[in-house]
Amino acid sequence: MWFENCLATLGEAHDESVYGAIERLVEAGEQVGFTVHDLIRMLNGGMTLECLLDVIEVRMTGACLDPESKAA
């Protein structure tokens, strides 16, 4: 079900490259503490995919600098 929600949110066609991109996005989000439901909620709330990727990147960078900090 979550694949369908992600696909609908991204407005993409059902094909393997899209599934792979979504899987990588979810994996990156999970690495920084987001669940798939968090990601969907952020996108449904109006966050752009570019902004979501920026948030994940900032959290990854912050995790590398200070693994104890969850502020990002």
Protein backbone atom coordinates (compact mmCIF):
# COMPACT_ATOMS: atom_id res chain seq x y z
CA MET A 1 0.00 0.00 0.00
CA TRP A 2 2.77 2.46 0.81
CA PHE A 3 4.21 2.10 -2.71
CA GLU A 4 0.86 3.20 -4.13
CA ASN A 5 0.75 6.19 -1.78
CA CYS A 6 4.26 7.23 -2.76
CA LEU A 7 3.50 6.82 -6.46
CA ALA A 8 0.33 8.88 -6.15
CA THR A 9 2.20 11.58 -4.24
CA LEU A 10 5.01 11.74 -6.76
CA GLY A 11 2.62 11.61 -9.70
CA GLU A 12 4.77 9.05 -11.52
CA ALA A 13 3.84 6.10 -13.71
CA HIS A 14 4.12 2.57 -12.33
CA ASP A 15 7.44 1.31 -13.59
CA GLU A 16 10.48 -0.34 -12.08
CA SER A 17 12.68 2.76 -12.09
CA VAL A 18 10.09 4.64 -10.05
CA TYR A 19 9.83 1.77 -7.57
CA GLY A 20 13.61 1.77 -7.25
CA ALA A 21 13.71 5.53 -6.68
CA ILE A 22 11.01 5.29 -4.02
CA GLU A 23 12.82 2.43 -2.34
CA ARG A 24 16.04 4.47 -2.20
CA LEU A 25 14.15 7.49 -0.83
CA VAL A 26 12.54 5.37 1.89
CA GLU A 27 15.87 3.74 2.78
CA ALA A 28 17.56 7.14 3.06
CA GLY A 29 14.70 8.45 5.17
CA GLU A 30 14.85 5.45 7.47
CA GLN A 31 18.62 5.93 7.92
CA VAL A 32 17.91 9.34 9.47
CA GLY A 33 14.92 8.28 11.56
CA PHE A 34 11.90 8.79 9.30
CA THR A 35 9.28 6.12 8.71
CA VAL A 36 7.62 5.72 5.35
CA HIS A 37 4.51 7.22 6.94
CA ASP A 38 6.55 10.29 7.97
CA LEU A 39 7.76 10.73 4.39
CA ILE A 40 4.26 10.40 2.94
CA ARG A 41 2.85 12.81 5.55
CA MET A 42 5.51 15.41 4.71
CA LEU A 43 4.84 15.13 0.96
CA ASN A 44 1.07 15.18 1.46
CA GLY A 45 1.52 18.24 3.68
CA GLY A 46 2.99 20.17 0.77
CA MET A 47 6.71 19.56 1.13
CA THR A 48 8.37 19.28 -2.25
CA LEU A 49 10.46 16.24 -3.09
CA GLU A 50 13.49 18.52 -3.41
CA CYS A 51 12.92 19.91 0.08
CA LEU A 52 12.42 16.42 1.51
CA LEU A 53 15.72 15.32 -0.01
CA ASP A 54 17.38 18.40 1.50
CA VAL A 55 16.01 17.53 4.95
CA ILE A 56 17.30 13.97 4.63
CA GLU A 57 20.69 15.26 3.48
CA VAL A 58 20.94 17.67 6.41
CA ARG A 59 20.07 14.90 8.85
CA MET A 60 22.66 12.59 7.25
CA THR A 61 25.31 15.29 7.46
CA GLY A 62 24.36 16.02 11.06
CA ALA A 63 24.46 12.31 11.90
CA CYS A 64 28.00 12.11 10.52
CA LEU A 65 29.12 15.14 12.51
CA ASP A 66 27.35 14.35 15.79
CA PRO A 67 25.60 10.99 16.09
CA GLU A 68 24.06 12.01 19.45
CA SER A 69 22.29 15.08 18.03
CA LYS A 70 18.74 14.74 16.68
CA ALA A 71 18.20 18.48 16.18
CA ALA A 72 18.31 18.53 12.37
